[in-house]
N, C-alpha and C. Protein backbone atom coordinates (compact mmCIF):
# COMPACT_ATOMS: atom_id res chain seq x y z
N MET A 1 23.84 51.70 40.93
CA MET A 1 25.02 53.16 41.75
C MET A 1 25.94 52.54 42.96
N GLU A 2 26.63 53.43 43.06
CA GLU A 2 27.96 52.93 43.51
C GLU A 2 28.27 54.37 44.39
N TYR A 3 28.69 53.36 45.62
CA TYR A 3 28.67 54.80 46.54
C TYR A 3 30.32 54.54 46.86
N LEU A 4 30.94 55.59 46.68
CA LEU A 4 32.56 55.14 46.81
C LEU A 4 33.24 56.43 48.01
N GLU A 5 33.60 55.69 49.15
CA GLU A 5 33.79 56.62 50.58
C GLU A 5 35.06 57.40 49.85
N ILE A 6 35.09 58.65 50.38
CA ILE A 6 36.31 59.72 50.01
C ILE A 6 36.58 59.50 51.37
N SER A 7 38.23 59.42 51.45
CA SER A 7 38.67 59.37 53.04
C SER A 7 39.62 60.64 53.17
N GLN A 8 40.01 61.31 52.06
CA GLN A 8 40.74 62.00 51.80
C GLN A 8 40.54 63.44 51.35
N HIS A 9 41.01 64.72 52.00
CA HIS A 9 40.29 65.81 51.63
C HIS A 9 40.90 66.07 49.93
N ASP A 10 42.03 65.86 49.86
CA ASP A 10 42.95 65.73 48.79
C ASP A 10 42.87 65.66 47.35
N ASP A 11 41.75 64.31 47.50
CA ASP A 11 40.98 63.16 46.30
C ASP A 11 40.59 64.40 45.14
N PHE A 12 40.98 63.75 44.22
CA PHE A 12 40.28 64.59 43.29
C PHE A 12 38.75 64.86 43.25
N ARG A 13 38.19 63.75 43.48
CA ARG A 13 36.34 63.95 43.76
C ARG A 13 36.46 64.66 44.94
N ALA A 14 36.90 64.72 46.42
CA ALA A 14 36.38 65.25 47.41
C ALA A 14 37.04 67.41 46.72
N LEU A 15 37.32 67.16 45.54
CA LEU A 15 38.31 68.58 45.01
C LEU A 15 36.69 68.67 44.53
N GLU A 16 36.53 68.41 43.73
CA GLU A 16 35.14 67.72 41.89
C GLU A 16 33.90 68.27 43.59
N ILE A 17 34.01 67.51 44.47
CA ILE A 17 32.66 67.77 45.35
C ILE A 17 32.54 68.93 46.34
N TYR A 18 33.71 69.64 46.65
CA TYR A 18 34.00 71.05 47.04
C TYR A 18 33.43 71.96 46.54
N LYS A 19 33.80 71.67 45.30
CA LYS A 19 33.32 72.64 43.80
C LYS A 19 31.83 72.98 43.97
N SER A 20 31.43 71.75 43.42
CA SER A 20 30.04 72.38 43.39
C SER A 20 29.42 72.61 44.37
N TYR A 21 29.92 72.20 45.72
CA TYR A 21 29.18 72.08 47.25
C TYR A 21 28.89 73.78 46.92
N CYS A 22 30.52 74.64 46.84
CA CYS A 22 30.58 76.13 46.71
C CYS A 22 29.50 76.64 45.83
N GLU A 23 29.08 76.07 44.69
CA GLU A 23 28.82 76.57 43.65
C GLU A 23 27.19 76.71 43.75
N THR A 24 26.93 75.42 44.48
CA THR A 24 25.45 75.37 44.69
C THR A 24 24.61 75.35 45.59
N PHE A 25 25.48 75.30 47.01
CA PHE A 25 24.85 75.95 48.07
C PHE A 25 24.53 77.29 48.28
N PRO A 26 23.87 77.77 48.89
CA PRO A 26 24.44 79.42 49.82
C PRO A 26 25.33 79.16 50.78
N ALA A 27 25.83 80.48 50.87
CA ALA A 27 26.87 80.20 51.92
C ALA A 27 26.69 80.54 53.30
N ASP A 28 25.66 80.63 53.53
CA ASP A 28 25.05 79.77 54.84
C ASP A 28 24.76 78.99 55.32
N GLU A 29 25.13 78.10 54.12
CA GLU A 29 24.60 76.55 54.39
C GLU A 29 25.56 75.90 53.86
N GLN A 30 27.12 76.41 53.97
CA GLN A 30 28.38 75.56 53.94
C GLN A 30 28.99 76.00 54.86
N ARG A 31 29.96 74.98 54.75
CA ARG A 31 31.34 75.05 55.29
C ARG A 31 32.35 75.80 54.91
N ASN A 32 33.27 76.72 55.44
CA ASN A 32 34.19 76.96 54.71
C ASN A 32 35.41 75.73 54.41
N GLU A 33 36.36 76.03 53.25
CA GLU A 33 37.56 75.11 52.92
C GLU A 33 37.86 74.09 53.94
N LYS A 34 38.27 75.09 55.18
CA LYS A 34 39.20 74.34 56.44
C LYS A 34 37.92 73.19 57.21
N GLN A 35 37.28 73.52 57.39
CA GLN A 35 35.97 73.00 57.78
C GLN A 35 35.41 72.12 56.63
N PHE A 36 35.31 72.18 55.78
CA PHE A 36 35.07 70.60 54.44
C PHE A 36 36.44 70.33 54.95
N ARG A 37 37.50 70.32 54.67
CA ARG A 37 38.73 69.36 55.37
C ARG A 37 38.41 68.19 56.36
N GLY A 38 38.17 68.90 57.35
CA GLY A 38 37.97 68.89 58.79
C GLY A 38 36.84 67.38 58.85
N LEU A 39 36.11 67.65 57.34
CA LEU A 39 35.04 66.35 57.75
C LEU A 39 35.65 65.08 57.23
N PHE A 40 37.08 65.10 56.90
CA PHE A 40 37.54 63.99 56.43
C PHE A 40 38.27 63.23 58.16
N MET A 41 38.82 64.32 58.19
CA MET A 41 39.15 63.23 59.79
C MET A 41 37.93 63.09 61.23
N ASN A 42 36.94 63.24 60.80
CA ASN A 42 35.80 63.29 61.83
C ASN A 42 35.31 61.59 61.33
N GLN A 43 35.38 60.41 62.50
CA GLN A 43 34.98 59.42 62.51
C GLN A 43 33.50 59.18 61.89
N LYS A 44 32.71 60.39 62.62
CA LYS A 44 31.20 60.53 62.34
C LYS A 44 30.80 60.49 61.40
N VAL A 45 31.49 61.29 60.22
CA VAL A 45 31.20 61.37 58.93
C VAL A 45 31.55 60.83 57.89
N LYS A 46 30.39 60.53 56.97
CA LYS A 46 31.08 59.69 55.95
C LYS A 46 30.70 60.65 54.76
N VAL A 47 31.97 60.60 53.78
CA VAL A 47 31.87 61.63 52.46
C VAL A 47 31.82 60.58 51.73
N TYR A 48 30.57 60.48 50.66
CA TYR A 48 30.87 59.28 49.76
C TYR A 48 30.86 60.07 48.21
N SER A 49 31.17 60.02 47.11
CA SER A 49 30.93 60.05 45.66
C SER A 49 30.22 59.10 45.43
N VAL A 50 28.61 59.51 44.42
CA VAL A 50 28.15 58.60 43.93
C VAL A 50 28.31 58.60 42.44
N LEU A 51 28.80 57.26 42.63
CA LEU A 51 28.78 56.40 40.55
C LEU A 51 27.87 56.01 40.30
N ARG A 52 27.76 56.04 38.67
CA ARG A 52 26.98 55.75 38.07
C ARG A 52 27.68 55.31 36.13
N GLU A 53 27.56 54.09 36.37
CA GLU A 53 28.49 53.64 34.86
C GLU A 53 29.98 53.77 35.21
N LEU A 54 30.92 54.48 36.69
CA LEU A 54 31.68 54.97 36.66
C LEU A 54 31.87 56.37 36.29
N GLU A 55 30.92 57.18 36.25
CA GLU A 55 31.05 58.41 36.52
C GLU A 55 30.18 59.43 37.77
N ASN A 56 31.38 60.08 38.03
CA ASN A 56 30.79 60.79 39.54
C ASN A 56 29.45 61.60 38.94
N ILE A 57 28.43 61.67 39.65
CA ILE A 57 26.76 61.93 39.15
C ILE A 57 26.71 63.08 40.82
N GLY A 58 27.52 62.62 41.28
CA GLY A 58 27.13 63.17 43.06
C GLY A 58 27.25 62.74 44.09
N TYR A 59 26.95 63.44 45.55
CA TYR A 59 27.87 62.76 46.42
C TYR A 59 26.55 63.14 47.25
N LEU A 60 26.90 62.58 48.90
CA LEU A 60 26.26 62.69 49.87
C LEU A 60 27.11 62.58 51.24
N ILE A 61 27.05 63.73 51.98
CA ILE A 61 28.02 64.10 53.55
C ILE A 61 27.07 63.56 54.10
N CYS A 62 27.27 62.47 54.72
CA CYS A 62 26.01 61.38 56.44
C CYS A 62 27.06 62.11 57.33
N TRP A 63 26.84 61.90 58.58
CA TRP A 63 26.75 61.87 59.62
C TRP A 63 25.81 60.71 60.35
N GLU A 64 27.06 59.79 60.86
CA GLU A 64 26.08 58.59 61.33
C GLU A 64 26.14 59.25 62.92
N MET A 65 24.86 59.41 63.28
CA MET A 65 24.76 59.34 64.77
C MET A 65 24.29 58.14 65.86
N THR A 66 23.85 58.86 66.87
CA THR A 66 23.83 58.00 68.06
C THR A 66 22.69 56.70 67.23
N ASP A 67 21.51 57.28 66.72
CA ASP A 67 20.26 56.37 66.39
C ASP A 67 19.62 56.93 64.91
N PHE A 68 20.10 57.58 64.41
CA PHE A 68 19.89 57.97 62.99
C PHE A 68 21.17 58.33 62.41
N VAL A 69 21.26 58.66 60.94
CA VAL A 69 21.84 59.41 60.14
C VAL A 69 21.15 60.31 59.70
N PHE A 70 22.20 61.40 60.18
CA PHE A 70 22.23 62.84 59.81
C PHE A 70 22.65 63.05 57.77
N LEU A 71 22.07 63.03 57.12
CA LEU A 71 21.84 63.73 56.04
C LEU A 71 22.17 65.06 55.65
N GLU A 72 23.62 65.86 56.12
CA GLU A 72 23.71 66.88 55.70
C GLU A 72 23.89 67.79 54.71
N HIS A 73 24.15 67.21 53.07
CA HIS A 73 24.48 67.62 52.06
C HIS A 73 23.98 66.14 51.62
N PHE A 74 23.48 66.42 50.36
CA PHE A 74 23.19 65.47 49.14
C PHE A 74 22.91 66.43 47.36
N GLU A 75 23.65 66.46 46.76
CA GLU A 75 23.37 66.76 45.64
C GLU A 75 23.72 65.88 44.52
N ILE A 76 23.07 66.01 43.65
CA ILE A 76 23.31 65.34 42.03
C ILE A 76 23.01 66.54 40.99
N PHE A 77 24.67 66.39 40.48
CA PHE A 77 25.56 67.13 39.34
C PHE A 77 24.27 67.98 38.55
N SER A 78 24.44 68.79 38.20
CA SER A 78 23.39 69.20 37.84
C SER A 78 23.41 69.01 36.16
N GLU A 79 24.19 68.34 35.29
CA GLU A 79 24.11 67.87 34.20
C GLU A 79 23.29 66.36 34.39
N PHE A 80 23.14 65.90 35.64
CA PHE A 80 22.86 64.46 36.09
C PHE A 80 21.17 64.07 36.41
N ARG A 81 20.66 65.73 36.70
CA ARG A 81 19.51 66.32 37.69
C ARG A 81 18.10 65.25 36.27
N SER A 82 17.16 65.24 37.15
CA SER A 82 16.12 65.28 36.21
C SER A 82 15.96 63.42 35.88
N LYS A 83 16.45 63.10 36.62
CA LYS A 83 16.64 61.78 35.70
C LYS A 83 16.69 60.19 36.99
N LYS A 84 16.21 60.53 38.01
CA LYS A 84 15.40 59.92 38.96
C LYS A 84 16.39 59.28 39.27
N TYR A 85 17.55 59.62 39.49
CA TYR A 85 18.74 59.46 40.32
C TYR A 85 18.85 59.61 41.86
N GLY A 86 18.27 60.69 42.18
CA GLY A 86 18.25 61.27 43.30
C GLY A 86 17.15 60.43 44.52
N SER A 87 16.31 59.97 42.89
CA SER A 87 15.07 58.88 44.51
C SER A 87 16.04 57.18 44.30
N GLU A 88 16.79 57.42 43.45
CA GLU A 88 17.45 56.23 43.50
C GLU A 88 18.26 55.80 44.83
N ILE A 89 18.86 56.69 44.85
CA ILE A 89 19.90 56.96 46.37
C ILE A 89 19.34 57.04 47.07
N LEU A 90 18.32 57.82 46.95
CA LEU A 90 17.58 58.08 48.73
C LEU A 90 16.67 56.18 48.98
N ALA A 91 16.01 55.64 47.81
CA ALA A 91 15.80 54.66 48.27
C ALA A 91 17.06 53.26 48.27
N ASP A 92 18.33 53.51 47.90
CA ASP A 92 19.65 52.57 48.36
C ASP A 92 19.91 53.11 50.03
N LEU A 93 20.06 54.37 50.24
CA LEU A 93 20.10 54.63 51.49
C LEU A 93 19.36 54.20 52.84
N PHE A 94 17.66 54.28 51.78
CA PHE A 94 16.75 53.35 53.21
C PHE A 94 17.34 52.20 53.54
N LYS A 95 18.06 51.46 52.48
CA LYS A 95 17.94 50.07 52.68
C LYS A 95 19.36 50.29 53.97
N LYS A 96 20.09 51.45 53.60
CA LYS A 96 21.48 50.77 54.54
C LYS A 96 21.00 51.56 55.97
N TYR A 97 20.85 52.58 56.29
CA TYR A 97 19.80 52.91 57.24
C TYR A 97 18.57 53.32 57.55
N LEU A 98 18.59 52.92 58.96
CA LEU A 98 16.81 52.25 59.50
C LEU A 98 16.63 53.93 59.72
N HIS A 99 16.88 55.05 60.00
CA HIS A 99 16.36 56.45 60.56
C HIS A 99 17.41 57.21 59.94
N ILE A 100 16.62 58.15 59.08
CA ILE A 100 17.39 59.49 58.04
C ILE A 100 16.80 60.37 58.42
N VAL A 101 17.63 61.76 58.86
CA VAL A 101 17.25 62.95 59.26
C VAL A 101 17.77 63.90 57.89
N LEU A 102 17.04 64.91 57.38
CA LEU A 102 17.60 65.93 56.63
C LEU A 102 17.50 67.11 57.24
N GLU A 103 17.90 68.20 56.97
CA GLU A 103 17.32 69.83 56.54
C GLU A 103 16.70 69.91 55.07
N ALA A 104 15.80 71.43 55.21
CA ALA A 104 15.69 71.73 54.08
C ALA A 104 14.83 72.93 54.37
N GLU A 105 15.06 73.81 53.17
CA GLU A 105 14.21 74.79 53.44
C GLU A 105 12.56 74.87 52.70
N PRO A 106 11.82 75.62 53.95
CA PRO A 106 10.79 75.68 54.05
C PRO A 106 9.78 75.78 52.33
N SER A 107 8.68 74.94 52.09
CA SER A 107 8.26 74.94 50.42
C SER A 107 7.63 76.77 50.67
N ASP A 108 7.00 77.28 51.54
CA ASP A 108 6.88 78.31 50.80
C ASP A 108 8.06 79.64 51.09
N LEU A 109 9.33 79.16 50.73
CA LEU A 109 10.01 80.01 50.38
C LEU A 109 10.53 80.64 49.51
N ASP A 110 10.31 79.64 47.95
CA ASP A 110 10.24 79.55 46.44
C ASP A 110 9.58 78.22 46.30
N GLU A 111 9.89 78.24 44.77
CA GLU A 111 9.66 77.52 43.73
C GLU A 111 10.63 76.17 43.98
N ASP A 112 11.78 76.34 44.30
CA ASP A 112 12.71 75.15 44.53
C ASP A 112 12.79 74.84 45.49
N ALA A 113 12.03 75.42 46.80
CA ALA A 113 12.40 74.51 48.00
C ALA A 113 11.08 73.88 47.84
N LYS A 114 9.87 74.30 47.44
CA LYS A 114 8.75 73.97 46.98
C LYS A 114 8.79 72.43 46.79
N ARG A 115 9.40 72.46 45.49
CA ARG A 115 9.87 71.49 44.55
C ARG A 115 10.98 70.14 45.43
N ARG A 116 11.71 71.01 46.35
CA ARG A 116 12.55 70.12 46.95
C ARG A 116 11.79 69.14 47.83
N ILE A 117 10.86 70.28 48.90
CA ILE A 117 10.23 69.41 49.87
C ILE A 117 9.62 67.79 49.38
N SER A 118 8.51 68.49 48.11
CA SER A 118 8.09 67.81 47.16
C SER A 118 8.51 66.11 47.22
N PHE A 119 9.59 66.51 46.86
CA PHE A 119 10.57 65.48 46.52
C PHE A 119 11.02 64.65 47.37
N TYR A 120 11.37 64.76 48.74
CA TYR A 120 11.74 64.37 49.72
C TYR A 120 10.49 63.51 50.21
N GLU A 121 8.89 64.25 49.99
CA GLU A 121 8.38 63.25 50.60
C GLU A 121 7.61 62.70 49.85
N GLN A 122 7.90 62.57 48.65
CA GLN A 122 7.56 61.73 47.35
C GLN A 122 8.44 60.63 47.50
N ASN A 123 9.52 60.92 48.18
CA ASN A 123 10.59 59.70 48.31
C ASN A 123 10.79 59.09 50.05
N GLY A 124 9.54 58.85 50.94
CA GLY A 124 9.70 58.64 52.12
C GLY A 124 10.04 59.33 53.16
N PHE A 125 9.89 60.65 53.11
CA PHE A 125 10.20 61.70 54.03
C PHE A 125 9.68 62.25 54.40
N ASN A 126 9.18 62.83 55.95
CA ASN A 126 8.33 63.57 56.25
C ASN A 126 8.52 64.87 57.08
N ILE A 127 8.42 65.59 57.04
CA ILE A 127 8.31 67.25 57.83
C ILE A 127 8.02 66.52 59.81
N ILE A 128 9.42 66.98 60.60
CA ILE A 128 9.11 66.21 61.75
C ILE A 128 9.56 67.68 62.46
N ASP A 129 9.66 68.63 62.20
CA ASP A 129 10.13 70.12 62.75
C ASP A 129 10.07 70.79 61.61
N GLU A 130 8.90 72.26 61.88
CA GLU A 130 8.96 73.01 60.54
C GLU A 130 9.31 74.34 61.41
N ASN A 131 9.87 74.29 62.99
CA ASN A 131 10.05 76.05 63.08
C ASN A 131 11.99 75.25 63.27
N TYR A 132 12.42 74.41 62.92
CA TYR A 132 13.83 73.92 63.13
C TYR A 132 14.76 75.08 62.75
N VAL A 133 16.14 75.40 63.63
CA VAL A 133 16.86 76.34 62.87
C VAL A 133 18.25 75.84 62.79
N GLN A 134 19.03 76.16 61.85
CA GLN A 134 19.81 75.47 61.68
C GLN A 134 21.14 76.59 62.63
N PRO A 135 22.05 76.33 63.16
CA PRO A 135 22.77 76.78 63.47
C PRO A 135 23.74 77.57 62.38
N PRO A 136 24.39 78.86 62.73
CA PRO A 136 25.07 79.05 61.63
C PRO A 136 26.92 78.11 61.80
N TYR A 137 27.60 78.06 60.83
CA TYR A 137 28.47 77.45 60.70
C TYR A 137 29.85 78.39 61.25
N ASP A 138 30.12 78.96 60.96
CA ASP A 138 30.92 80.15 61.60
C ASP A 138 30.14 81.60 62.17
N PRO A 139 31.14 82.64 63.11
CA PRO A 139 30.40 83.91 63.50
C PRO A 139 30.06 84.76 62.43
N GLU A 140 30.62 84.45 61.13
CA GLU A 140 30.40 85.08 59.76
C GLU A 140 28.62 85.23 59.29
N LYS A 141 28.38 84.06 59.37
CA LYS A 141 27.46 83.13 58.93
C LYS A 141 26.05 83.61 59.86
N ASN A 142 24.63 83.15 58.93
CA ASN A 142 23.59 82.72 59.36
C ASN A 142 23.49 81.73 59.75
N SER A 143 22.36 82.08 60.92
CA SER A 143 21.36 80.67 61.28
C SER A 143 20.66 80.78 59.84
N LEU A 144 19.58 79.85 60.21
CA LEU A 144 18.52 79.54 58.58
C LEU A 144 17.65 78.92 59.23
N ASN A 145 16.40 79.12 58.81
CA ASN A 145 14.80 78.97 59.69
C ASN A 145 14.66 77.05 58.54
N LEU A 146 15.07 76.33 58.68
CA LEU A 146 14.23 75.51 57.92
C LEU A 146 13.52 74.56 58.72
N CYS A 147 13.21 73.19 57.96
CA CYS A 147 12.29 72.08 58.35
C CYS A 147 13.56 71.34 58.57
N LEU A 148 12.51 69.97 59.26
CA LEU A 148 13.26 68.95 59.88
C LEU A 148 12.58 68.16 59.31
N LEU A 149 13.30 67.03 58.43
CA LEU A 149 12.69 66.34 57.73
C LEU A 149 13.36 65.07 58.17
N ALA A 150 12.55 63.66 58.27
CA ALA A 150 13.08 62.08 58.63
C ALA A 150 12.14 60.96 57.82
N ASN A 151 12.50 59.80 57.97
CA ASN A 151 11.77 58.63 57.01
C ASN A 151 10.96 57.63 58.35
N TRP A 152 10.85 58.37 59.36
CA TRP A 152 10.12 57.75 60.29
C TRP A 152 9.76 58.96 61.07
N LYS A 153 8.62 58.41 61.97
CA LYS A 153 7.83 59.58 62.67
C LYS A 153 8.45 59.72 64.03
N PRO A 154 9.45 60.02 64.88
CA PRO A 154 9.57 60.29 66.33
C PRO A 154 8.65 61.08 66.40
N GLU A 155 8.24 60.57 68.27
CA GLU A 155 7.65 61.19 69.22
C GLU A 155 8.02 62.67 69.56
N LYS A 156 9.46 62.65 69.43
CA LYS A 156 9.89 63.73 69.98
C LYS A 156 11.06 64.20 69.13
N THR A 157 11.00 65.21 68.85
CA THR A 157 12.29 65.74 68.16
C THR A 157 13.50 66.38 68.83
N ASP A 158 13.20 66.72 69.98
CA ASP A 158 14.30 67.67 71.07
C ASP A 158 15.86 66.68 70.66
N TRP A 159 15.71 65.78 71.23
CA TRP A 159 16.65 64.38 71.09
C TRP A 159 17.61 64.70 69.74
N ILE A 160 16.53 64.69 68.91
CA ILE A 160 17.52 64.68 67.67
C ILE A 160 18.05 65.91 67.10
N LYS A 161 17.46 67.02 66.93
CA LYS A 161 18.05 68.64 67.51
C LYS A 161 19.17 68.67 68.21
N GLU A 162 18.86 68.32 69.58
CA GLU A 162 20.79 68.33 70.36
C GLU A 162 21.42 67.59 69.80
N GLU A 163 21.44 66.62 69.38
CA GLU A 163 22.70 65.88 68.81
C GLU A 163 23.13 66.17 67.63
N ILE A 164 21.77 66.63 66.84
CA ILE A 164 22.88 67.36 65.34
C ILE A 164 23.56 68.91 66.13
N TYR A 165 22.52 69.81 66.88
CA TYR A 165 23.87 70.73 67.07
C TYR A 165 25.07 70.66 68.12
N ASP A 166 24.56 69.96 68.62
CA ASP A 166 26.10 68.85 69.17
C ASP A 166 27.11 68.82 68.82
N VAL A 167 27.02 67.80 67.83
CA VAL A 167 27.89 66.68 66.53
C VAL A 167 28.36 67.97 65.42
N VAL A 168 26.88 68.24 64.57
CA VAL A 168 27.52 68.67 63.28
C VAL A 168 27.97 70.41 63.53
N TYR A 169 27.52 70.74 64.29
CA TYR A 169 27.62 72.21 64.50
C TYR A 169 28.34 72.91 65.53
N ARG A 170 29.00 72.17 66.38
CA ARG A 170 30.18 72.68 67.28
C ARG A 170 31.28 73.22 66.95
């Protein structure tokens, strides 16, 4: 796998990422186009196109926080799913970042959410907060009850949530 950092919102890969992002994630879990473009100007954000044999198979949107990386969005494009690429990407992230945090829908939401939580747990993540609320991206969107997962077991999660709220959702 190769991870190509995308630095411009008008790069053809960024446009492909945004198109898939809008098709894959529910509206309340998405930034609008202006907000998405703003990610490329934020020094804390890294948008990576994931390449396998020079083909774009997915993307990562990572926030480099004080003591952890927040994986805001992670997607393998539909035609490349069920090939173990997601596990390979997470293994690569574990080599690069000591502490990783991400959000996911609770497993009791539906079968997809159950599979997603199971996937993350099989790949080294644990639920660290089952009562986490993702703030809305803008006033027209809803907050979401999600789980917060991490690849380590912090004693407390307040500081993690506070930094995510202050940096990612401000």
